[in-house]
């Protein structure tokens, strides 16, 4: 089995103080993908930066205190890559130092941690999100082709910052003009699944479920009312997706036990 977990930690230094360290010590995951780390490696304690039993790759953003992605794997990676520039995709180099993408090769599989920009309608943040999306789709297509030629599968885990379907957020009617549920964003994610032929693994295993949600705003009583969004995905090539046997969101038992506003999304794959 290969168990992969993805979670937006909403600041790793804060999460470490609230329960991330204990969670990592107890997880059965073989690979853990983190997003929104918001720290340089030197700002992390040793038990977080390089915990015993894990091989780590950290990709902080050049902009201090923003974004940042990391990968933790039990097995030493055969290859590591930060960013997705250098593959002939127009616009990709803009994001090489943005702390939004890191990937590793393990035997037979490439695992990536993605933090897609969150966006805000009518602002430069939304423009950045659209530029990222425009560059990332052709990169995903090329990645899939290169992996296939090498006999590898791919899974891109992370905070995609888009709810794809109405079932992916509790209050979808009120959010149709909000970044994260805009028609053009949802259409782009459809292209990832249709044109690029990747698979939304959690939705494949839970086709009729509301959610399962992975993010709840800290405002109001969103968590207690389960007024969440499903924006954290494991998106895999069909061969690997077909070997997924179990997927779940590690939702905290209570609001007070949360160490992030996101919950870990875990999938077990047969090797």
C-alpha atoms as a PDB file:
ATOM      1  CA  UNK A   1       0.000   0.000   0.000  1.00  0.00           C
ATOM      2  CA  UNK A   2       0.978   3.628  -0.553  1.00  0.00           C
ATOM      3  CA  UNK A   3      -0.695   6.103   1.793  1.00  0.00           C
ATOM      4  CA  UNK A   4      -0.570   9.772   0.821  1.00  0.00           C
ATOM      5  CA  UNK A   5      -1.827  12.674   2.938  1.00  0.00           C
ATOM      6  CA  UNK A   6      -2.199  16.303   1.903  1.00  0.00           C
ATOM      7  CA  UNK A   7      -2.924  19.254   4.180  1.00  0.00           C
ATOM      8  CA  UNK A   8      -2.789  23.042   4.092  1.00  0.00           C
ATOM      9  CA  UNK A   9      -1.213  23.789   7.470  1.00  0.00           C
ATOM     10  CA  UNK A  10      -2.097  27.530   7.533  1.00  0.00           C
ATOM     11  CA  UNK A  11       1.396  28.379   8.795  1.00  0.00           C
ATOM     12  CA  UNK A  12       3.587  25.460   9.837  1.00  0.00           C
ATOM     13  CA  UNK A  13       5.139  27.173  12.857  1.00  0.00           C
ATOM     14  CA  UNK A  14       1.699  27.827  14.333  1.00  0.00           C
ATOM     15  CA  UNK A  15       0.422  24.368  13.383  1.00  0.00           C
ATOM     16  CA  UNK A  16       3.434  22.756  15.059  1.00  0.00           C
ATOM     17  CA  UNK A  17       2.454  24.393  18.342  1.00  0.00           C
ATOM     18  CA  UNK A  18      -1.180  23.352  18.006  1.00  0.00           C
ATOM     19  CA  UNK A  19      -0.814  19.647  17.203  1.00  0.00           C
ATOM     20  CA  UNK A  20       0.918  19.048  13.853  1.00  0.00           C
ATOM     21  CA  UNK A  21       3.980  17.441  15.463  1.00  0.00           C
ATOM     22  CA  UNK A  22       1.858  14.914  17.346  1.00  0.00           C
ATOM     23  CA  UNK A  23      -0.218  14.271  14.223  1.00  0.00           C
ATOM     24  CA  UNK A  24       2.905  13.610  12.129  1.00  0.00           C
ATOM     25  CA  UNK A  25       4.289  11.258  14.773  1.00  0.00           C
ATOM     26  CA  UNK A  26       1.067   9.254  14.669  1.00  0.00           C
ATOM     27  CA  UNK A  27       0.290   9.179  10.952  1.00  0.00           C
ATOM     28  CA  UNK A  28       0.569   6.008   8.877  1.00  0.00           C
ATOM     29  CA  UNK A  29       1.189   8.037   5.714  1.00  0.00           C
ATOM     30  CA  UNK A  30       4.143   7.201   3.483  1.00  0.00           C
ATOM     31  CA  UNK A  31       4.100  10.684   1.953  1.00  0.00           C
ATOM     32  CA  UNK A  32       2.806  13.944   3.449  1.00  0.00           C
ATOM     33  CA  UNK A  33       2.242  17.000   1.251  1.00  0.00           C
ATOM     34  CA  UNK A  34       2.044  20.381   2.985  1.00  0.00           C
ATOM     35  CA  UNK A  35       0.826  23.731   1.682  1.00  0.00           C
ATOM     36  CA  UNK A  36       0.867  27.292   3.043  1.00  0.00           C
ATOM     37  CA  UNK A  37       3.934  26.533   5.157  1.00  0.00           C
ATOM     38  CA  UNK A  38       4.760  30.268   5.376  1.00  0.00           C
ATOM     39  CA  UNK A  39       8.279  29.759   6.751  1.00  0.00           C
ATOM     40  CA  UNK A  40      11.881  29.405   5.644  1.00  0.00           C
ATOM     41  CA  UNK A  41      13.423  26.052   6.610  1.00  0.00           C
ATOM     42  CA  UNK A  42      15.718  27.869   9.046  1.00  0.00           C
ATOM     43  CA  UNK A  43      12.684  29.232  10.887  1.00  0.00           C
ATOM     44  CA  UNK A  44      11.412  25.726  11.652  1.00  0.00           C
ATOM     45  CA  UNK A  45      12.510  23.614  14.603  1.00  0.00           C
ATOM     46  CA  UNK A  46      14.475  20.480  13.762  1.00  0.00           C
ATOM     47  CA  UNK A  47      11.576  18.194  14.686  1.00  0.00           C
ATOM     48  CA  UNK A  48       9.443  19.988  12.096  1.00  0.00           C
ATOM     49  CA  UNK A  49      12.068  20.734   9.451  1.00  0.00           C
ATOM     50  CA  UNK A  50      13.722  17.287   9.398  1.00  0.00           C
ATOM     51  CA  UNK A  51      11.761  14.909  11.634  1.00  0.00           C
ATOM     52  CA  UNK A  52      13.310  11.528  12.327  1.00  0.00           C
ATOM     53  CA  UNK A  53      12.225   8.867   9.850  1.00  0.00           C
ATOM     54  CA  UNK A  54      11.313  11.341   7.099  1.00  0.00           C
ATOM     55  CA  UNK A  55      13.055  12.780   4.042  1.00  0.00           C
ATOM     56  CA  UNK A  56      11.935  16.371   3.490  1.00  0.00           C
ATOM     57  CA  UNK A  57      11.919  18.879   0.648  1.00  0.00           C
ATOM     58  CA  UNK A  58      10.933  22.461   1.462  1.00  0.00           C
ATOM     59  CA  UNK A  59      10.047  25.060  -1.179  1.00  0.00           C
ATOM     60  CA  UNK A  60       9.484  28.407   0.540  1.00  0.00           C
ATOM     61  CA  UNK A  61       8.253  31.467  -1.312  1.00  0.00           C
ATOM     62  CA  UNK A  62      10.608  34.308  -2.147  1.00  0.00           C
ATOM     63  CA  UNK A  63       7.980  36.599  -0.590  1.00  0.00           C
ATOM     64  CA  UNK A  64       8.496  36.179   3.151  1.00  0.00           C
ATOM     65  CA  UNK A  65       5.588  34.777   5.118  1.00  0.00           C
ATOM     66  CA  UNK A  66       3.604  33.721   2.057  1.00  0.00           C
ATOM     67  CA  UNK A  67       2.689  30.387   0.483  1.00  0.00           C
ATOM     68  CA  UNK A  68       5.367  27.673   0.766  1.00  0.00           C
ATOM     69  CA  UNK A  69       5.023  23.949   0.062  1.00  0.00           C
ATOM     70  CA  UNK A  70       6.814  20.922   1.478  1.00  0.00           C
ATOM     71  CA  UNK A  71       6.982  17.172   0.952  1.00  0.00           C
ATOM     72  CA  UNK A  72       7.775  14.563   3.596  1.00  0.00           C
ATOM     73  CA  UNK A  73       8.459  10.976   2.478  1.00  0.00           C
ATOM     74  CA  UNK A  74       9.491   7.865   4.375  1.00  0.00           C
ATOM     75  CA  UNK A  75      11.600   6.789   1.406  1.00  0.00           C
ATOM     76  CA  UNK A  76      14.401   8.918  -0.045  1.00  0.00           C
ATOM     77  CA  UNK A  77      13.255  10.574  -3.294  1.00  0.00           C
ATOM     78  CA  UNK A  78      14.907   9.539  -6.534  1.00  0.00           C
ATOM     79  CA  UNK A  79      14.470  13.105  -7.836  1.00  0.00           C
ATOM     80  CA  UNK A  80      13.196  16.418  -6.516  1.00  0.00           C
ATOM     81  CA  UNK A  81      11.878  19.470  -8.384  1.00  0.00           C
ATOM     82  CA  UNK A  82      10.780  22.876  -7.151  1.00  0.00           C
ATOM     83  CA  UNK A  83       8.477  24.878  -9.409  1.00  0.00           C
ATOM     84  CA  UNK A  84       7.331  23.835 -12.866  1.00  0.00           C
ATOM     85  CA  UNK A  85       9.362  26.096 -15.137  1.00  0.00           C
ATOM     86  CA  UNK A  86      11.901  24.810 -17.614  1.00  0.00           C
ATOM     87  CA  UNK A  87       9.542  22.572 -19.582  1.00  0.00           C
ATOM     88  CA  UNK A  88       8.644  25.011 -22.336  1.00  0.00           C
ATOM     89  CA  UNK A  89       5.366  26.128 -20.748  1.00  0.00           C
ATOM     90  CA  UNK A  90       4.793  29.873 -21.268  1.00  0.00           C
ATOM     91  CA  UNK A  91       4.450  31.753 -17.996  1.00  0.00           C
ATOM     92  CA  UNK A  92       5.582  28.909 -15.751  1.00  0.00           C
ATOM     93  CA  UNK A  93       8.845  30.553 -14.662  1.00  0.00           C
ATOM     94  CA  UNK A  94       6.899  33.319 -12.902  1.00  0.00           C
ATOM     95  CA  UNK A  95       5.994  30.807 -10.208  1.00  0.00           C
ATOM     96  CA  UNK A  96       9.329  29.025  -9.720  1.00  0.00           C
ATOM     97  CA  UNK A  97      10.111  30.954  -6.523  1.00  0.00           C
ATOM     98  CA  UNK A  98       6.513  31.418  -5.411  1.00  0.00           C
ATOM     99  CA  UNK A  99       6.391  28.464  -3.008  1.00  0.00           C
ATOM    100  CA  UNK A 100       3.502  26.867  -4.839  1.00  0.00           C
ATOM    101  CA  UNK A 101       4.789  23.611  -6.322  1.00  0.00           C
ATOM    102  CA  UNK A 102       7.236  20.850  -5.426  1.00  0.00           C
ATOM    103  CA  UNK A 103       7.425  17.281  -6.708  1.00  0.00           C
ATOM    104  CA  UNK A 104       9.421  14.146  -5.963  1.00  0.00           C
ATOM    105  CA  UNK A 105       9.917  10.848  -7.734  1.00  0.00           C
ATOM    106  CA  UNK A 106       9.484   7.676  -5.728  1.00  0.00           C
ATOM    107  CA  UNK A 107       9.611   4.179  -7.261  1.00  0.00           C
ATOM    108  CA  UNK A 108       6.881   4.106  -9.923  1.00  0.00           C
ATOM    109  CA  UNK A 109       5.173   7.331  -8.888  1.00  0.00           C
ATOM    110  CA  UNK A 110       5.657  11.098  -8.942  1.00  0.00           C
ATOM    111  CA  UNK A 111       4.073  12.886  -5.966  1.00  0.00           C
ATOM    112  CA  UNK A 112       3.567  16.660  -5.974  1.00  0.00           C
ATOM    113  CA  UNK A 113       2.435  19.237  -3.432  1.00  0.00           C
ATOM    114  CA  UNK A 114       0.487  22.137  -4.953  1.00  0.00           C
ATOM    115  CA  UNK A 115      -0.734  25.411  -3.475  1.00  0.00           C
ATOM    116  CA  UNK A 116      -2.751  27.099  -6.202  1.00  0.00           C
ATOM    117  CA  UNK A 117      -3.254  30.849  -5.612  1.00  0.00           C
ATOM    118  CA  UNK A 118      -6.439  31.667  -3.727  1.00  0.00           C
ATOM    119  CA  UNK A 119      -7.534  34.715  -5.705  1.00  0.00           C
ATOM    120  CA  UNK A 120      -9.999  37.485  -4.979  1.00  0.00           C
ATOM    121  CA  UNK A 121     -12.433  38.726  -7.612  1.00  0.00           C
ATOM    122  CA  UNK A 122     -11.454  42.029  -9.168  1.00  0.00           C
ATOM    123  CA  UNK A 123      -7.919  42.111  -7.780  1.00  0.00           C
ATOM    124  CA  UNK A 124      -4.370  41.266  -8.871  1.00  0.00           C
ATOM    125  CA  UNK A 125      -4.640  38.109  -6.768  1.00  0.00           C
ATOM    126  CA  UNK A 126      -7.284  36.779  -9.157  1.00  0.00           C
ATOM    127  CA  UNK A 127      -5.127  37.758 -12.139  1.00  0.00           C
ATOM    128  CA  UNK A 128      -2.244  35.809 -10.589  1.00  0.00           C
ATOM    129  CA  UNK A 129      -4.503  32.807 -10.066  1.00  0.00           C
ATOM    130  CA  UNK A 130      -5.588  32.897 -13.711  1.00  0.00           C
ATOM    131  CA  UNK A 131      -1.975  33.145 -14.925  1.00  0.00           C
ATOM    132  CA  UNK A 132      -1.045  30.186 -12.746  1.00  0.00           C
ATOM    133  CA  UNK A 133      -3.941  28.116 -14.070  1.00  0.00           C
ATOM    134  CA  UNK A 134      -3.063  28.974 -17.670  1.00  0.00           C
ATOM    135  CA  UNK A 135       0.491  27.720 -17.180  1.00  0.00           C
ATOM    136  CA  UNK A 136      -0.264  24.762 -14.929  1.00  0.00           C
ATOM    137  CA  UNK A 137      -2.697  22.884 -17.175  1.00  0.00           C
ATOM    138  CA  UNK A 138      -0.172  22.370 -20.011  1.00  0.00           C
ATOM    139  CA  UNK A 139       2.435  21.466 -17.415  1.00  0.00           C
ATOM    140  CA  UNK A 140       0.114  18.758 -16.046  1.00  0.00           C
ATOM    141  CA  UNK A 141      -0.370  17.407 -19.547  1.00  0.00           C
ATOM    142  CA  UNK A 142       3.366  17.282 -20.146  1.00  0.00           C
ATOM    143  CA  UNK A 143       4.023  15.729 -16.737  1.00  0.00           C
ATOM    144  CA  UNK A 144       1.548  12.950 -17.452  1.00  0.00           C
ATOM    145  CA  UNK A 145       3.170  12.237 -20.833  1.00  0.00           C
ATOM    146  CA  UNK A 146       6.707  12.197 -19.406  1.00  0.00           C
ATOM    147  CA  UNK A 147       5.641   9.964 -16.535  1.00  0.00           C
ATOM    148  CA  UNK A 148       3.903   7.526 -18.885  1.00  0.00           C
ATOM    149  CA  UNK A 149       7.021   7.305 -21.052  1.00  0.00           C
ATOM    150  CA  UNK A 150       8.976   6.457 -17.899  1.00  0.00           C
ATOM    151  CA  UNK A 151       6.413   3.928 -16.666  1.00  0.00           C
ATOM    152  CA  UNK A 152       5.340   6.146 -13.792  1.00  0.00           C
ATOM    153  CA  UNK A 153       2.040   7.280 -12.310  1.00  0.00           C
ATOM    154  CA  UNK A 154       1.405  10.793 -10.941  1.00  0.00           C
ATOM    155  CA  UNK A 155      -0.552  12.255  -8.044  1.00  0.00           C
ATOM    156  CA  UNK A 156      -0.765  16.011  -7.514  1.00  0.00           C
ATOM    157  CA  UNK A 157      -1.948  16.718  -3.986  1.00  0.00           C
ATOM    158  CA  UNK A 158      -2.809  20.004  -2.444  1.00  0.00           C
ATOM    159  CA  UNK A 159      -4.957  23.032  -2.001  1.00  0.00           C
ATOM    160  CA  UNK A 160      -6.344  23.674  -5.480  1.00  0.00           C
ATOM    161  CA  UNK A 161      -8.473  26.564  -4.152  1.00  0.00           C
ATOM    162  CA  UNK A 162     -11.403  25.622  -6.404  1.00  0.00           C
ATOM    163  CA  UNK A 163     -14.578  23.772  -5.475  1.00  0.00           C
ATOM    164  CA  UNK A 164     -15.449  21.856  -8.623  1.00  0.00           C
ATOM    165  CA  UNK A 165     -19.106  20.940  -8.145  1.00  0.00           C
ATOM    166  CA  UNK A 166     -22.063  22.101  -6.090  1.00  0.00           C
ATOM    167  CA  UNK A 167     -21.480  19.079  -3.840  1.00  0.00           C
ATOM    168  CA  UNK A 168     -18.054  20.488  -3.002  1.00  0.00           C
ATOM    169  CA  UNK A 169     -19.230  23.368  -0.818  1.00  0.00           C
ATOM    170  CA  UNK A 170     -22.082  23.761   1.620  1.00  0.00           C
ATOM    171  CA  UNK A 171     -23.252  27.229   0.579  1.00  0.00           C
ATOM    172  CA  UNK A 172     -22.749  26.993  -3.177  1.00  0.00           C
ATOM    173  CA  UNK A 173     -25.665  29.263  -4.113  1.00  0.00           C
ATOM    174  CA  UNK A 174     -24.205  32.211  -2.213  1.00  0.00           C
ATOM    175  CA  UNK A 175     -20.704  31.699  -3.644  1.00  0.00           C
ATOM    176  CA  UNK A 176     -21.303  31.582  -7.397  1.00  0.00           C
ATOM    177  CA  UNK A 177     -19.526  34.946  -7.818  1.00  0.00           C
ATOM    178  CA  UNK A 178     -16.784  34.178  -5.297  1.00  0.00           C
ATOM    179  CA  UNK A 179     -13.221  33.210  -6.152  1.00  0.00           C
ATOM    180  CA  UNK A 180     -12.970  29.469  -5.681  1.00  0.00           C
ATOM    181  CA  UNK A 181     -16.354  28.742  -7.275  1.00  0.00           C
ATOM    182  CA  UNK A 182     -16.367  30.947 -10.357  1.00  0.00           C
ATOM    183  CA  UNK A 183     -17.684  29.302 -13.541  1.00  0.00           C
ATOM    184  CA  UNK A 184     -14.356  29.820 -15.319  1.00  0.00           C
ATOM    185  CA  UNK A 185     -12.406  28.239 -12.440  1.00  0.00           C
ATOM    186  CA  UNK A 186     -14.717  25.244 -12.335  1.00  0.00           C
ATOM    187  CA  UNK A 187     -14.436  24.900 -16.123  1.00  0.00           C
ATOM    188  CA  UNK A 188     -10.648  24.914 -15.831  1.00  0.00           C
ATOM    189  CA  UNK A 189     -10.766  22.095 -13.289  1.00  0.00           C
ATOM    190  CA  UNK A 190     -13.073  20.179 -15.628  1.00  0.00           C
ATOM    191  CA  UNK A 191     -10.347  20.508 -18.271  1.00  0.00           C
ATOM    192  CA  UNK A 192      -7.837  18.983 -15.819  1.00  0.00           C
ATOM    193  CA  UNK A 193     -10.123  15.968 -15.511  1.00  0.00           C
ATOM    194  CA  UNK A 194     -11.306  15.750 -19.135  1.00  0.00           C
ATOM    195  CA  UNK A 195      -8.602  17.129 -21.429  1.00  0.00           C
ATOM    196  CA  UNK A 196      -5.608  16.221 -19.268  1.00  0.00           C
ATOM    197  CA  UNK A 197      -7.356  13.010 -18.138  1.00  0.00           C
ATOM    198  CA  UNK A 198      -6.503  13.180 -14.455  1.00  0.00           C
ATOM    199  CA  UNK A 199      -8.877  11.785 -11.812  1.00  0.00           C
ATOM    200  CA  UNK A 200     -10.294  13.442  -8.683  1.00  0.00           C
ATOM    201  CA  UNK A 201      -9.572  10.463  -6.422  1.00  0.00           C
ATOM    202  CA  UNK A 202     -11.693  11.405  -3.408  1.00  0.00           C
ATOM    203  CA  UNK A 203     -14.723  12.139  -5.604  1.00  0.00           C
ATOM    204  CA  UNK A 204     -14.191   8.844  -7.442  1.00  0.00           C
ATOM    205  CA  UNK A 205     -14.449   6.975  -4.137  1.00  0.00           C
ATOM    206  CA  UNK A 206     -17.246   9.185  -2.751  1.00  0.00           C
ATOM    207  CA  UNK A 207     -19.347   9.942  -5.867  1.00  0.00           C
ATOM    208  CA  UNK A 208     -22.578  10.920  -4.113  1.00  0.00           C
ATOM    209  CA  UNK A 209     -21.297  12.560  -0.932  1.00  0.00           C
ATOM    210  CA  UNK A 210     -21.702  16.172   0.072  1.00  0.00           C
ATOM    211  CA  UNK A 211     -18.037  17.093   0.390  1.00  0.00           C
ATOM    212  CA  UNK A 212     -16.299  15.535   2.211  1.00  0.00           C
ATOM    213  CA  UNK A 213     -15.263  19.096   3.077  1.00  0.00           C
ATOM    214  CA  UNK A 214     -11.629  19.869   3.874  1.00  0.00           C
ATOM    215  CA  UNK A 215     -11.674  23.597   4.728  1.00  0.00           C
ATOM    216  CA  UNK A 216     -13.853  25.601   7.093  1.00  0.00           C
ATOM    217  CA  UNK A 217     -13.483  29.317   7.714  1.00  0.00           C
ATOM    218  CA  UNK A 218     -12.432  30.308  11.220  1.00  0.00           C
ATOM    219  CA  UNK A 219     -15.173  32.930  11.067  1.00  0.00           C
ATOM    220  CA  UNK A 220     -18.537  32.197  12.648  1.00  0.00           C
ATOM    221  CA  UNK A 221     -19.435  28.584  13.376  1.00  0.00           C
ATOM    222  CA  UNK A 222     -18.496  27.169   9.980  1.00  0.00           C
ATOM    223  CA  UNK A 223     -16.724  24.128  11.432  1.00  0.00           C
ATOM    224  CA  UNK A 224     -19.437  23.303  13.963  1.00  0.00           C
ATOM    225  CA  UNK A 225     -22.090  23.627  11.239  1.00  0.00           C
ATOM    226  CA  UNK A 226     -19.937  21.769   8.694  1.00  0.00           C
ATOM    227  CA  UNK A 227     -20.309  24.755   6.345  1.00  0.00           C
ATOM    228  CA  UNK A 228     -17.154  23.817   4.494  1.00  0.00           C
ATOM    229  CA  UNK A 229     -15.517  23.641   1.100  1.00  0.00           C
ATOM    230  CA  UNK A 230     -13.793  20.708  -0.603  1.00  0.00           C
ATOM    231  CA  UNK A 231     -10.805  22.436  -2.198  1.00  0.00           C
ATOM    232  CA  UNK A 232      -8.038  20.024  -1.175  1.00  0.00           C
ATOM    233  CA  UNK A 233      -7.631  17.266  -3.749  1.00  0.00           C
ATOM    234  CA  UNK A 234      -5.536  14.297  -4.702  1.00  0.00           C
ATOM    235  CA  UNK A 235      -5.548  14.389  -8.507  1.00  0.00           C
ATOM    236  CA  UNK A 236      -4.005  11.280 -10.049  1.00  0.00           C
ATOM    237  CA  UNK A 237      -3.344   9.613 -13.369  1.00  0.00           C
ATOM    238  CA  UNK A 238      -5.969   6.961 -14.134  1.00  0.00           C
ATOM    239  CA  UNK A 239      -3.705   4.000 -13.421  1.00  0.00           C
ATOM    240  CA  UNK A 240      -2.958   5.151  -9.886  1.00  0.00           C
ATOM    241  CA  UNK A 241      -6.508   6.407  -9.296  1.00  0.00           C
ATOM    242  CA  UNK A 242      -7.748   2.950 -10.195  1.00  0.00           C
ATOM    243  CA  UNK A 243      -5.679   1.541  -7.347  1.00  0.00           C
ATOM    244  CA  UNK A 244      -7.135   3.891  -4.726  1.00  0.00           C
ATOM    245  CA  UNK A 245      -8.986   1.791  -2.159  1.00  0.00           C
ATOM    246  CA  UNK A 246      -9.812   4.267   0.610  1.00  0.00           C
ATOM    247  CA  UNK A 247     -10.026   8.053   0.970  1.00  0.00           C
ATOM    248  CA  UNK A 248     -11.073  10.197   3.883  1.00  0.00           C
ATOM    249  CA  UNK A 249     -10.778  13.631   5.457  1.00  0.00           C
ATOM    250  CA  UNK A 250      -9.162  13.613   8.905  1.00  0.00           C
ATOM    251  CA  UNK A 251     -11.655  16.044  10.407  1.00  0.00           C
ATOM    252  CA  UNK A 252     -10.900  17.041  13.997  1.00  0.00           C
ATOM    253  CA  UNK A 253     -13.381  15.864  16.614  1.00  0.00           C
ATOM    254  CA  UNK A 254     -13.893  19.398  17.933  1.00  0.00           C
ATOM    255  CA  UNK A 255     -13.150  22.974  16.887  1.00  0.00           C
ATOM    256  CA  UNK A 256     -10.588  23.251  19.673  1.00  0.00           C
ATOM    257  CA  UNK A 257      -8.587  20.251  18.446  1.00  0.00           C
ATOM    258  CA  UNK A 258      -7.898  21.766  15.029  1.00  0.00           C
ATOM    259  CA  UNK A 259      -4.335  22.782  14.192  1.00  0.00           C
ATOM    260  CA  UNK A 260      -5.297  24.346  10.831  1.00  0.00           C
ATOM    261  CA  UNK A 261      -8.421  25.659   9.137  1.00  0.00           C
ATOM    262  CA  UNK A 262      -7.943  22.746   6.691  1.00  0.00           C
ATOM    263  CA  UNK A 263      -8.064  19.044   7.540  1.00  0.00           C
ATOM    264  CA  UNK A 264      -5.712  16.380   6.163  1.00  0.00           C
ATOM    265  CA  UNK A 265      -6.987  14.497   3.091  1.00  0.00           C
ATOM    266  CA  UNK A 266      -5.684  10.928   3.010  1.00  0.00           C
ATOM    267  CA  UNK A 267      -5.821   8.288   0.278  1.00  0.00           C
ATOM    268  CA  UNK A 268      -4.586   4.682   0.385  1.00  0.00           C
ATOM    269  CA  UNK A 269      -3.407   3.235  -2.944  1.00  0.00           C
ATOM    270  CA  UNK A 270      -2.532  -0.354  -3.735  1.00  0.00           C
ATOM    271  CA  UNK A 271       0.985  -0.461  -5.150  1.00  0.00           C
END
